């Protein structure tokens, strides 16, 4: 396992820096409104090649799906597949990153994945937030109202979404991967821990392990006590931004005390590091990469993490 701090490749400025967008803390109510312009534009309006859009009924309401596939024909077993949560925000970013990486794929002989962004239909950003809180959080006895629907969401992905993707772009069932950030990172870890046959690769970025006083902790302990037999063949990227740790250099001088206290309480970096170390200590650990991206915060870490996920978390 690698424990890495810093960018995996030279200068990887996030989209937020390139476009001059200030990304607020994810727990503020205006998160999606601030970021919507990065991925909410209909793909058809941009005349992108090899892209499809459609809607499906999900467990929390209508879903907006966007799909992009490689130019090369699929290999005999099908392309790899990367599902990206919060797809309203990150579809265009993921596609741009992947297509910029095509020379790297050609040199290495690896195959770029089909990308499917899972988003929410409609333009009501508050509805996106409400449904995201329900879909991405696991059930627990004291879960707040409007939370705890992760298993229903994963059932939808497995039983309905994956066949819908296969009908549009052939993919290899043995090379499926899931990318999630924040609440989405919590869902990705929940899937990794409880559904070992659903995804061969997982990218859990800035996972909200603090949610509901560590509601995922029982699943973590169960997994560590008896890891599934296929654990050594599965790939897991755990990552966060350096500025998500209260002890990050210079952070205390930049943030108000209440914000700094919340960062210290959530321990996004520390909790992810603790989990990575415990997984690495297993007799037969997963293929694991823990990375702290230098200079990045909770929002700006996403483009760098997408680049790493496309190269590491997607099975080749």
C-alpha atoms as a PDB file:
ATOM      1  CA  UNK A   1       0.000   0.000   0.000  1.00  0.00           C
ATOM      2  CA  UNK A   2       1.157   3.531  -0.714  1.00  0.00           C
ATOM      3  CA  UNK A   3       0.653   6.409   1.717  1.00  0.00           C
ATOM      4  CA  UNK A   4       1.107   9.512  -0.402  1.00  0.00           C
ATOM      5  CA  UNK A   5       0.936  13.226   0.291  1.00  0.00           C
ATOM      6  CA  UNK A   6       0.915  15.528  -2.748  1.00  0.00           C
ATOM      7  CA  UNK A   7      -0.204  15.547  -6.345  1.00  0.00           C
ATOM      8  CA  UNK A   8       0.267  12.305  -8.265  1.00  0.00           C
ATOM      9  CA  UNK A   9       1.315  14.181 -11.409  1.00  0.00           C
ATOM     10  CA  UNK A  10       2.947  17.627 -11.464  1.00  0.00           C
ATOM     11  CA  UNK A  11       0.584  20.614 -11.659  1.00  0.00           C
ATOM     12  CA  UNK A  12      -2.995  19.364 -11.349  1.00  0.00           C
ATOM     13  CA  UNK A  13      -4.874  22.529 -10.556  1.00  0.00           C
ATOM     14  CA  UNK A  14      -8.515  21.756  -9.760  1.00  0.00           C
ATOM     15  CA  UNK A  15     -11.336  23.041 -11.926  1.00  0.00           C
ATOM     16  CA  UNK A  16     -12.225  25.468  -9.134  1.00  0.00           C
ATOM     17  CA  UNK A  17      -8.842  27.167  -9.476  1.00  0.00           C
ATOM     18  CA  UNK A  18      -8.909  27.184 -13.267  1.00  0.00           C
ATOM     19  CA  UNK A  19     -12.296  28.883 -13.395  1.00  0.00           C
ATOM     20  CA  UNK A  20     -11.926  31.145 -10.387  1.00  0.00           C
ATOM     21  CA  UNK A  21     -14.707  29.480  -8.405  1.00  0.00           C
ATOM     22  CA  UNK A  22     -14.609  29.580  -4.625  1.00  0.00           C
ATOM     23  CA  UNK A  23     -15.925  26.282  -3.298  1.00  0.00           C
ATOM     24  CA  UNK A  24     -17.627  26.577   0.107  1.00  0.00           C
ATOM     25  CA  UNK A  25     -17.627  24.011   2.902  1.00  0.00           C
ATOM     26  CA  UNK A  26     -19.786  21.007   1.928  1.00  0.00           C
ATOM     27  CA  UNK A  27     -22.116  21.306   4.895  1.00  0.00           C
ATOM     28  CA  UNK A  28     -23.310  24.744   3.821  1.00  0.00           C
ATOM     29  CA  UNK A  29     -26.700  24.748   2.196  1.00  0.00           C
ATOM     30  CA  UNK A  30     -25.453  26.349  -1.002  1.00  0.00           C
ATOM     31  CA  UNK A  31     -22.934  23.670  -1.965  1.00  0.00           C
ATOM     32  CA  UNK A  32     -24.759  22.381  -4.994  1.00  0.00           C
ATOM     33  CA  UNK A  33     -25.806  25.816  -6.186  1.00  0.00           C
ATOM     34  CA  UNK A  34     -22.186  26.962  -6.082  1.00  0.00           C
ATOM     35  CA  UNK A  35     -20.949  23.934  -8.039  1.00  0.00           C
ATOM     36  CA  UNK A  36     -23.848  23.239 -10.377  1.00  0.00           C
ATOM     37  CA  UNK A  37     -22.268  25.042 -13.295  1.00  0.00           C
ATOM     38  CA  UNK A  38     -19.436  22.499 -13.394  1.00  0.00           C
ATOM     39  CA  UNK A  39     -21.640  19.607 -14.413  1.00  0.00           C
ATOM     40  CA  UNK A  40     -25.298  20.514 -14.722  1.00  0.00           C
ATOM     41  CA  UNK A  41     -25.201  21.620 -18.356  1.00  0.00           C
ATOM     42  CA  UNK A  42     -26.917  18.994 -20.531  1.00  0.00           C
ATOM     43  CA  UNK A  43     -24.240  17.055 -22.386  1.00  0.00           C
ATOM     44  CA  UNK A  44     -26.231  17.242 -25.606  1.00  0.00           C
ATOM     45  CA  UNK A  45     -26.063  21.046 -25.473  1.00  0.00           C
ATOM     46  CA  UNK A  46     -22.271  20.811 -25.600  1.00  0.00           C
ATOM     47  CA  UNK A  47     -22.344  18.482 -28.619  1.00  0.00           C
ATOM     48  CA  UNK A  48     -19.997  16.022 -26.936  1.00  0.00           C
ATOM     49  CA  UNK A  49     -19.187  12.885 -28.925  1.00  0.00           C
ATOM     50  CA  UNK A  50     -19.958   9.441 -27.514  1.00  0.00           C
ATOM     51  CA  UNK A  51     -22.333  10.676 -24.809  1.00  0.00           C
ATOM     52  CA  UNK A  52     -25.858   9.592 -23.873  1.00  0.00           C
ATOM     53  CA  UNK A  53     -28.399  10.942 -21.369  1.00  0.00           C
ATOM     54  CA  UNK A  54     -31.546   9.437 -19.908  1.00  0.00           C
ATOM     55  CA  UNK A  55     -33.668   9.391 -16.778  1.00  0.00           C
ATOM     56  CA  UNK A  56     -34.753   6.558 -14.514  1.00  0.00           C
ATOM     57  CA  UNK A  57     -36.944   6.237 -11.437  1.00  0.00           C
ATOM     58  CA  UNK A  58     -34.693   5.862  -8.390  1.00  0.00           C
ATOM     59  CA  UNK A  59     -35.588   5.038  -4.796  1.00  0.00           C
ATOM     60  CA  UNK A  60     -35.649   8.727  -3.806  1.00  0.00           C
ATOM     61  CA  UNK A  61     -37.111  10.071  -7.064  1.00  0.00           C
ATOM     62  CA  UNK A  62     -36.151  10.572 -10.722  1.00  0.00           C
ATOM     63  CA  UNK A  63     -32.468  10.154 -11.538  1.00  0.00           C
ATOM     64  CA  UNK A  64     -30.487  11.872 -14.301  1.00  0.00           C
ATOM     65  CA  UNK A  65     -27.903   9.584 -15.906  1.00  0.00           C
ATOM     66  CA  UNK A  66     -25.105  10.707 -18.205  1.00  0.00           C
ATOM     67  CA  UNK A  67     -22.857   8.221 -19.980  1.00  0.00           C
ATOM     68  CA  UNK A  68     -19.609   8.654 -21.902  1.00  0.00           C
ATOM     69  CA  UNK A  69     -17.724   5.844 -23.592  1.00  0.00           C
ATOM     70  CA  UNK A  70     -14.289   5.503 -25.230  1.00  0.00           C
ATOM     71  CA  UNK A  71     -13.752   5.906 -28.941  1.00  0.00           C
ATOM     72  CA  UNK A  72     -12.040   2.526 -29.241  1.00  0.00           C
ATOM     73  CA  UNK A  73     -14.360  -0.468 -29.676  1.00  0.00           C
ATOM     74  CA  UNK A  74     -14.888  -2.522 -26.533  1.00  0.00           C
ATOM     75  CA  UNK A  75     -12.547  -5.441 -25.903  1.00  0.00           C
ATOM     76  CA  UNK A  76     -14.079  -8.940 -25.895  1.00  0.00           C
ATOM     77  CA  UNK A  77     -15.066  -8.686 -22.217  1.00  0.00           C
ATOM     78  CA  UNK A  78     -16.267  -5.090 -22.432  1.00  0.00           C
ATOM     79  CA  UNK A  79     -14.841  -1.776 -21.222  1.00  0.00           C
ATOM     80  CA  UNK A  80     -14.074  -1.049 -17.563  1.00  0.00           C
ATOM     81  CA  UNK A  81     -16.829   1.011 -15.915  1.00  0.00           C
ATOM     82  CA  UNK A  82     -16.580   3.931 -13.475  1.00  0.00           C
ATOM     83  CA  UNK A  83     -19.743   5.137 -11.755  1.00  0.00           C
ATOM     84  CA  UNK A  84     -19.469   8.723 -10.464  1.00  0.00           C
ATOM     85  CA  UNK A  85     -21.818   9.871  -7.710  1.00  0.00           C
ATOM     86  CA  UNK A  86     -23.062  13.488  -7.573  1.00  0.00           C
ATOM     87  CA  UNK A  87     -23.154  13.253 -11.335  1.00  0.00           C
ATOM     88  CA  UNK A  88     -24.907  16.612 -11.788  1.00  0.00           C
ATOM     89  CA  UNK A  89     -21.662  18.215 -10.662  1.00  0.00           C
ATOM     90  CA  UNK A  90     -18.852  16.043 -11.903  1.00  0.00           C
ATOM     91  CA  UNK A  91     -19.775  14.425 -15.230  1.00  0.00           C
ATOM     92  CA  UNK A  92     -18.051  16.979 -17.454  1.00  0.00           C
ATOM     93  CA  UNK A  93     -15.035  17.147 -15.153  1.00  0.00           C
ATOM     94  CA  UNK A  94     -14.617  13.354 -15.191  1.00  0.00           C
ATOM     95  CA  UNK A  95     -14.967  13.144 -18.970  1.00  0.00           C
ATOM     96  CA  UNK A  96     -12.522  16.017 -19.525  1.00  0.00           C
ATOM     97  CA  UNK A  97      -9.953  14.404 -17.230  1.00  0.00           C
ATOM     98  CA  UNK A  98     -10.291  10.991 -18.836  1.00  0.00           C
ATOM     99  CA  UNK A  99      -9.999  12.296 -22.392  1.00  0.00           C
ATOM    100  CA  UNK A 100      -6.940  14.357 -21.434  1.00  0.00           C
ATOM    101  CA  UNK A 101      -5.397  11.112 -20.158  1.00  0.00           C
ATOM    102  CA  UNK A 102      -5.855   9.176 -23.418  1.00  0.00           C
ATOM    103  CA  UNK A 103      -2.156   9.416 -24.427  1.00  0.00           C
ATOM    104  CA  UNK A 104      -1.271   7.880 -21.064  1.00  0.00           C
ATOM    105  CA  UNK A 105      -3.699   5.019 -21.683  1.00  0.00           C
ATOM    106  CA  UNK A 106      -2.217   4.439 -25.137  1.00  0.00           C
ATOM    107  CA  UNK A 107       1.339   4.306 -23.781  1.00  0.00           C
ATOM    108  CA  UNK A 108       0.462   1.942 -20.935  1.00  0.00           C
ATOM    109  CA  UNK A 109      -1.905  -0.281 -22.881  1.00  0.00           C
ATOM    110  CA  UNK A 110      -4.595   0.209 -20.214  1.00  0.00           C
ATOM    111  CA  UNK A 111      -8.192   0.701 -21.254  1.00  0.00           C
ATOM    112  CA  UNK A 112     -10.122   3.878 -20.373  1.00  0.00           C
ATOM    113  CA  UNK A 113     -13.433   3.168 -18.655  1.00  0.00           C
ATOM    114  CA  UNK A 114     -16.965   3.952 -19.596  1.00  0.00           C
ATOM    115  CA  UNK A 115     -18.051   6.772 -17.257  1.00  0.00           C
ATOM    116  CA  UNK A 116     -21.601   6.916 -15.915  1.00  0.00           C
ATOM    117  CA  UNK A 117     -22.499   9.938 -13.772  1.00  0.00           C
ATOM    118  CA  UNK A 118     -25.403   9.341 -11.396  1.00  0.00           C
ATOM    119  CA  UNK A 119     -27.285  12.569 -10.703  1.00  0.00           C
ATOM    120  CA  UNK A 120     -30.700  13.889  -9.807  1.00  0.00           C
ATOM    121  CA  UNK A 121     -33.289  15.080 -12.304  1.00  0.00           C
ATOM    122  CA  UNK A 122     -34.545  18.643 -12.104  1.00  0.00           C
ATOM    123  CA  UNK A 123     -33.002  21.995 -11.227  1.00  0.00           C
ATOM    124  CA  UNK A 124     -33.954  22.214  -7.536  1.00  0.00           C
ATOM    125  CA  UNK A 125     -30.597  22.211  -5.763  1.00  0.00           C
ATOM    126  CA  UNK A 126     -32.224  21.848  -2.348  1.00  0.00           C
ATOM    127  CA  UNK A 127     -33.930  18.698  -3.613  1.00  0.00           C
ATOM    128  CA  UNK A 128     -30.546  17.371  -4.723  1.00  0.00           C
ATOM    129  CA  UNK A 129     -29.191  17.891  -1.226  1.00  0.00           C
ATOM    130  CA  UNK A 130     -32.208  16.273   0.409  1.00  0.00           C
ATOM    131  CA  UNK A 131     -32.092  13.204  -1.826  1.00  0.00           C
ATOM    132  CA  UNK A 132     -28.322  12.902  -1.581  1.00  0.00           C
ATOM    133  CA  UNK A 133     -28.582  12.778   2.220  1.00  0.00           C
ATOM    134  CA  UNK A 134     -31.072   9.929   1.926  1.00  0.00           C
ATOM    135  CA  UNK A 135     -29.353   7.925  -0.819  1.00  0.00           C
ATOM    136  CA  UNK A 136     -25.771   8.122   0.446  1.00  0.00           C
ATOM    137  CA  UNK A 137     -26.111   7.362   4.162  1.00  0.00           C
ATOM    138  CA  UNK A 138     -26.398   3.844   5.631  1.00  0.00           C
ATOM    139  CA  UNK A 139     -29.239   2.728   7.845  1.00  0.00           C
ATOM    140  CA  UNK A 140     -28.592   2.999  11.565  1.00  0.00           C
ATOM    141  CA  UNK A 141     -30.922   2.792  14.586  1.00  0.00           C
ATOM    142  CA  UNK A 142     -30.673   6.510  15.341  1.00  0.00           C
ATOM    143  CA  UNK A 143     -30.308   7.877  11.808  1.00  0.00           C
ATOM    144  CA  UNK A 144     -31.843  11.359  11.432  1.00  0.00           C
ATOM    145  CA  UNK A 145     -35.086  11.635   9.451  1.00  0.00           C
ATOM    146  CA  UNK A 146     -34.443  11.684   5.723  1.00  0.00           C
ATOM    147  CA  UNK A 147     -31.282   9.593   5.974  1.00  0.00           C
ATOM    148  CA  UNK A 148     -30.420   5.902   5.853  1.00  0.00           C
ATOM    149  CA  UNK A 149     -31.364   4.910   2.298  1.00  0.00           C
ATOM    150  CA  UNK A 150     -27.972   3.645   1.112  1.00  0.00           C
ATOM    151  CA  UNK A 151     -29.008   0.024   0.688  1.00  0.00           C
ATOM    152  CA  UNK A 152     -32.055   0.909  -1.392  1.00  0.00           C
ATOM    153  CA  UNK A 153     -29.824   3.099  -3.561  1.00  0.00           C
ATOM    154  CA  UNK A 154     -27.267   0.318  -4.034  1.00  0.00           C
ATOM    155  CA  UNK A 155     -30.106  -2.092  -4.877  1.00  0.00           C
ATOM    156  CA  UNK A 156     -31.192   0.354  -7.595  1.00  0.00           C
ATOM    157  CA  UNK A 157     -27.654   0.582  -8.975  1.00  0.00           C
ATOM    158  CA  UNK A 158     -27.197  -3.183  -9.036  1.00  0.00           C
ATOM    159  CA  UNK A 159     -30.608  -4.309 -10.300  1.00  0.00           C
ATOM    160  CA  UNK A 160     -31.646  -1.448 -12.574  1.00  0.00           C
ATOM    161  CA  UNK A 161     -28.850   0.948 -13.455  1.00  0.00           C
ATOM    162  CA  UNK A 162     -26.124  -1.524 -14.392  1.00  0.00           C
ATOM    163  CA  UNK A 163     -28.357  -3.344 -16.922  1.00  0.00           C
ATOM    164  CA  UNK A 164     -29.383   0.042 -18.379  1.00  0.00           C
ATOM    165  CA  UNK A 165     -25.722   0.970 -18.846  1.00  0.00           C
ATOM    166  CA  UNK A 166     -24.887  -2.400 -20.402  1.00  0.00           C
ATOM    167  CA  UNK A 167     -27.628  -1.866 -22.985  1.00  0.00           C
ATOM    168  CA  UNK A 168     -25.920   1.368 -24.094  1.00  0.00           C
ATOM    169  CA  UNK A 169     -22.206   0.635 -23.645  1.00  0.00           C
ATOM    170  CA  UNK A 170     -20.868  -2.902 -23.109  1.00  0.00           C
ATOM    171  CA  UNK A 171     -18.755  -3.125 -19.958  1.00  0.00           C
ATOM    172  CA  UNK A 172     -16.897  -5.854 -18.119  1.00  0.00           C
ATOM    173  CA  UNK A 173     -18.809  -6.870 -14.947  1.00  0.00           C
ATOM    174  CA  UNK A 174     -15.495  -7.833 -13.338  1.00  0.00           C
ATOM    175  CA  UNK A 175     -14.099  -4.302 -13.780  1.00  0.00           C
ATOM    176  CA  UNK A 176     -16.742  -2.097 -12.193  1.00  0.00           C
ATOM    177  CA  UNK A 177     -15.683   0.791  -9.956  1.00  0.00           C
ATOM    178  CA  UNK A 178     -17.489   3.431  -7.867  1.00  0.00           C
ATOM    179  CA  UNK A 179     -16.324   7.005  -7.152  1.00  0.00           C
ATOM    180  CA  UNK A 180     -17.906   8.964  -4.311  1.00  0.00           C
ATOM    181  CA  UNK A 181     -17.012  12.144  -2.429  1.00  0.00           C
ATOM    182  CA  UNK A 182     -18.097  13.296   1.046  1.00  0.00           C
ATOM    183  CA  UNK A 183     -21.497  11.641   1.610  1.00  0.00           C
ATOM    184  CA  UNK A 184     -20.782   9.811  -1.645  1.00  0.00           C
ATOM    185  CA  UNK A 185     -17.490   8.621  -0.152  1.00  0.00           C
ATOM    186  CA  UNK A 186     -19.457   7.261   2.796  1.00  0.00           C
ATOM    187  CA  UNK A 187     -21.722   5.365   0.392  1.00  0.00           C
ATOM    188  CA  UNK A 188     -18.723   4.055  -1.533  1.00  0.00           C
ATOM    189  CA  UNK A 189     -17.180   2.694   1.663  1.00  0.00           C
ATOM    190  CA  UNK A 190     -20.517   1.206   2.724  1.00  0.00           C
ATOM    191  CA  UNK A 191     -20.614  -0.656  -0.600  1.00  0.00           C
ATOM    192  CA  UNK A 192     -16.983  -1.759  -0.216  1.00  0.00           C
ATOM    193  CA  UNK A 193     -17.621  -3.119   3.271  1.00  0.00           C
ATOM    194  CA  UNK A 194     -21.003  -4.764   2.784  1.00  0.00           C
ATOM    195  CA  UNK A 195     -21.240  -5.731  -0.914  1.00  0.00           C
ATOM    196  CA  UNK A 196     -17.879  -7.224  -1.868  1.00  0.00           C
ATOM    197  CA  UNK A 197     -19.085  -8.526  -5.231  1.00  0.00           C
ATOM    198  CA  UNK A 198     -20.630  -5.283  -6.488  1.00  0.00           C
ATOM    199  CA  UNK A 199     -17.493  -3.254  -7.292  1.00  0.00           C
ATOM    200  CA  UNK A 200     -13.962  -4.447  -7.963  1.00  0.00           C
ATOM    201  CA  UNK A 201     -12.689  -0.905  -7.430  1.00  0.00           C
ATOM    202  CA  UNK A 202     -13.754   1.830  -5.025  1.00  0.00           C
ATOM    203  CA  UNK A 203     -12.704   5.467  -4.657  1.00  0.00           C
ATOM    204  CA  UNK A 204     -13.874   6.961  -1.352  1.00  0.00           C
ATOM    205  CA  UNK A 205     -12.832  10.619  -1.327  1.00  0.00           C
ATOM    206  CA  UNK A 206     -13.148  12.686   1.872  1.00  0.00           C
ATOM    207  CA  UNK A 207     -15.621  10.100   3.198  1.00  0.00           C
ATOM    208  CA  UNK A 208     -18.020  11.368   5.868  1.00  0.00           C
ATOM    209  CA  UNK A 209     -17.021   8.743   8.413  1.00  0.00           C
ATOM    210  CA  UNK A 210     -18.015  11.225  11.124  1.00  0.00           C
ATOM    211  CA  UNK A 211     -21.678  10.992  10.071  1.00  0.00           C
ATOM    212  CA  UNK A 212     -24.121  10.096  12.853  1.00  0.00           C
ATOM    213  CA  UNK A 213     -21.361   9.511  15.411  1.00  0.00           C
ATOM    214  CA  UNK A 214     -19.567   7.002  13.225  1.00  0.00           C
ATOM    215  CA  UNK A 215     -22.564   5.013  12.018  1.00  0.00           C
ATOM    216  CA  UNK A 216     -20.354   3.021   9.636  1.00  0.00           C
ATOM    217  CA  UNK A 217     -18.084   1.795  12.446  1.00  0.00           C
ATOM    218  CA  UNK A 218     -19.981  -1.493  13.044  1.00  0.00           C
ATOM    219  CA  UNK A 219     -19.642  -2.400   9.358  1.00  0.00           C
ATOM    220  CA  UNK A 220     -15.931  -1.578   9.502  1.00  0.00           C
ATOM    221  CA  UNK A 221     -15.426  -3.849  12.528  1.00  0.00           C
ATOM    222  CA  UNK A 222     -17.380  -6.687  10.904  1.00  0.00           C
ATOM    223  CA  UNK A 223     -15.299  -6.422   7.739  1.00  0.00           C
ATOM    224  CA  UNK A 224     -11.979  -6.328   9.598  1.00  0.00           C
ATOM    225  CA  UNK A 225     -12.960  -9.323  11.728  1.00  0.00           C
ATOM    226  CA  UNK A 226     -13.810 -11.465   8.691  1.00  0.00           C
ATOM    227  CA  UNK A 227     -12.731  -9.937   5.357  1.00  0.00           C
ATOM    228  CA  UNK A 228     -14.450 -11.411   2.288  1.00  0.00           C
ATOM    229  CA  UNK A 229     -12.415 -13.934   0.352  1.00  0.00           C
ATOM    230  CA  UNK A 230     -11.958 -11.640  -2.655  1.00  0.00           C
ATOM    231  CA  UNK A 231     -10.531  -8.731  -0.605  1.00  0.00           C
ATOM    232  CA  UNK A 232      -6.938  -9.073  -1.973  1.00  0.00           C
ATOM    233  CA  UNK A 233      -8.251  -8.631  -5.534  1.00  0.00           C
ATOM    234  CA  UNK A 234     -10.230  -5.451  -4.822  1.00  0.00           C
ATOM    235  CA  UNK A 235      -8.861  -1.939  -5.266  1.00  0.00           C
ATOM    236  CA  UNK A 236      -9.569   0.859  -2.772  1.00  0.00           C
ATOM    237  CA  UNK A 237      -8.546   4.498  -3.066  1.00  0.00           C
ATOM    238  CA  UNK A 238      -8.959   6.449   0.169  1.00  0.00           C
ATOM    239  CA  UNK A 239      -8.117  10.129  -0.223  1.00  0.00           C
ATOM    240  CA  UNK A 240      -8.765  13.588   1.167  1.00  0.00           C
ATOM    241  CA  UNK A 241      -7.472  17.130   0.883  1.00  0.00           C
ATOM    242  CA  UNK A 242      -4.675  18.340   3.130  1.00  0.00           C
ATOM    243  CA  UNK A 243      -6.804  21.324   4.193  1.00  0.00           C
ATOM    244  CA  UNK A 244      -9.442  18.966   5.628  1.00  0.00           C
ATOM    245  CA  UNK A 245      -7.193  18.417   8.651  1.00  0.00           C
ATOM    246  CA  UNK A 246      -7.266  21.035  11.397  1.00  0.00           C
ATOM    247  CA  UNK A 247      -3.504  20.678  11.803  1.00  0.00           C
ATOM    248  CA  UNK A 248      -2.814  21.601   8.146  1.00  0.00           C
ATOM    249  CA  UNK A 249      -0.120  24.299   7.936  1.00  0.00           C
ATOM    250  CA  UNK A 250      -1.561  27.784   8.152  1.00  0.00           C
ATOM    251  CA  UNK A 251      -5.179  26.648   8.313  1.00  0.00           C
ATOM    252  CA  UNK A 252      -5.862  28.043  11.786  1.00  0.00           C
ATOM    253  CA  UNK A 253      -4.979  31.544  10.579  1.00  0.00           C
ATOM    254  CA  UNK A 254      -7.358  31.340   7.626  1.00  0.00           C
ATOM    255  CA  UNK A 255     -10.580  30.033   9.168  1.00  0.00           C
ATOM    256  CA  UNK A 256     -12.936  31.266  11.873  1.00  0.00           C
ATOM    257  CA  UNK A 257     -12.785  29.266  15.116  1.00  0.00           C
ATOM    258  CA  UNK A 258     -16.182  27.577  14.604  1.00  0.00           C
ATOM    259  CA  UNK A 259     -15.181  26.264  11.174  1.00  0.00           C
ATOM    260  CA  UNK A 260     -11.821  25.065  12.457  1.00  0.00           C
ATOM    261  CA  UNK A 261     -13.528  23.295  15.370  1.00  0.00           C
ATOM    262  CA  UNK A 262     -15.862  21.482  12.976  1.00  0.00           C
ATOM    263  CA  UNK A 263     -12.930  20.318  10.863  1.00  0.00           C
ATOM    264  CA  UNK A 264     -11.171  19.082  13.999  1.00  0.00           C
ATOM    265  CA  UNK A 265     -14.290  17.257  15.179  1.00  0.00           C
ATOM    266  CA  UNK A 266     -14.976  15.558  11.826  1.00  0.00           C
ATOM    267  CA  UNK A 267     -11.372  14.341  11.405  1.00  0.00           C
ATOM    268  CA  UNK A 268     -11.909  13.576   7.725  1.00  0.00           C
ATOM    269  CA  UNK A 269      -8.218  12.966   7.050  1.00  0.00           C
ATOM    270  CA  UNK A 270      -7.536  11.247  10.358  1.00  0.00           C
ATOM    271  CA  UNK A 271     -10.454   8.846  10.112  1.00  0.00           C
ATOM    272  CA  UNK A 272      -9.576   7.909   6.536  1.00  0.00           C
ATOM    273  CA  UNK A 273      -5.941   7.384   7.517  1.00  0.00           C
ATOM    274  CA  UNK A 274      -6.926   5.233  10.493  1.00  0.00           C
ATOM    275  CA  UNK A 275      -9.086   3.034   8.275  1.00  0.00           C
ATOM    276  CA  UNK A 276      -6.354   2.726   5.643  1.00  0.00           C
ATOM    277  CA  UNK A 277      -3.842   1.631   8.264  1.00  0.00           C
ATOM    278  CA  UNK A 278      -6.191  -0.977   9.682  1.00  0.00           C
ATOM    279  CA  UNK A 279      -6.969  -2.347   6.235  1.00  0.00           C
ATOM    280  CA  UNK A 280      -3.278  -2.437   5.336  1.00  0.00           C
ATOM    281  CA  UNK A 281      -2.608  -4.497   8.470  1.00  0.00           C
ATOM    282  CA  UNK A 282      -4.918  -7.310   7.366  1.00  0.00           C
ATOM    283  CA  UNK A 283      -3.191 -10.611   6.536  1.00  0.00           C
ATOM    284  CA  UNK A 284      -4.590 -10.331   3.000  1.00  0.00           C
ATOM    285  CA  UNK A 285      -5.324  -6.620   2.454  1.00  0.00           C
ATOM    286  CA  UNK A 286      -7.012  -5.004  -0.542  1.00  0.00           C
ATOM    287  CA  UNK A 287      -4.950  -3.212  -3.173  1.00  0.00           C
ATOM    288  CA  UNK A 288      -4.900   0.048  -1.277  1.00  0.00           C
ATOM    289  CA  UNK A 289      -3.866   3.635  -1.958  1.00  0.00           C
ATOM    290  CA  UNK A 290      -4.220   6.318   0.730  1.00  0.00           C
ATOM    291  CA  UNK A 291      -3.470   9.829  -0.517  1.00  0.00           C
ATOM    292  CA  UNK A 292      -3.639  13.283   1.049  1.00  0.00           C
ATOM    293  CA  UNK A 293      -3.621  15.866  -1.754  1.00  0.00           C
ATOM    294  CA  UNK A 294      -1.402  18.797  -0.825  1.00  0.00           C
ATOM    295  CA  UNK A 295      -3.082  22.205  -0.703  1.00  0.00           C
ATOM    296  CA  UNK A 296      -6.584  20.906  -1.475  1.00  0.00           C
ATOM    297  CA  UNK A 297      -9.725  21.370   0.584  1.00  0.00           C
ATOM    298  CA  UNK A 298     -12.985  19.427   0.717  1.00  0.00           C
ATOM    299  CA  UNK A 299     -14.212  20.696  -2.645  1.00  0.00           C
ATOM    300  CA  UNK A 300     -11.041  21.312  -4.614  1.00  0.00           C
ATOM    301  CA  UNK A 301      -9.760  17.780  -3.987  1.00  0.00           C
ATOM    302  CA  UNK A 302     -12.282  16.258  -6.397  1.00  0.00           C
ATOM    303  CA  UNK A 303     -10.584  16.817  -9.785  1.00  0.00           C
ATOM    304  CA  UNK A 304      -7.240  15.520  -8.506  1.00  0.00           C
ATOM    305  CA  UNK A 305      -9.008  12.553  -6.915  1.00  0.00           C
ATOM    306  CA  UNK A 306     -10.888  11.786 -10.139  1.00  0.00           C
ATOM    307  CA  UNK A 307      -7.577  11.657 -11.987  1.00  0.00           C
ATOM    308  CA  UNK A 308      -6.157   9.259  -9.409  1.00  0.00           C
ATOM    309  CA  UNK A 309      -9.331   7.158  -9.392  1.00  0.00           C
ATOM    310  CA  UNK A 310      -9.372   6.732 -13.173  1.00  0.00           C
ATOM    311  CA  UNK A 311      -5.772   5.508 -13.023  1.00  0.00           C
ATOM    312  CA  UNK A 312      -5.846   3.465  -9.817  1.00  0.00           C
ATOM    313  CA  UNK A 313      -9.333   2.475  -8.660  1.00  0.00           C
ATOM    314  CA  UNK A 314     -10.629   1.237 -12.011  1.00  0.00           C
ATOM    315  CA  UNK A 315      -9.458  -2.353 -12.521  1.00  0.00           C
ATOM    316  CA  UNK A 316      -7.516  -2.829 -15.731  1.00  0.00           C
END
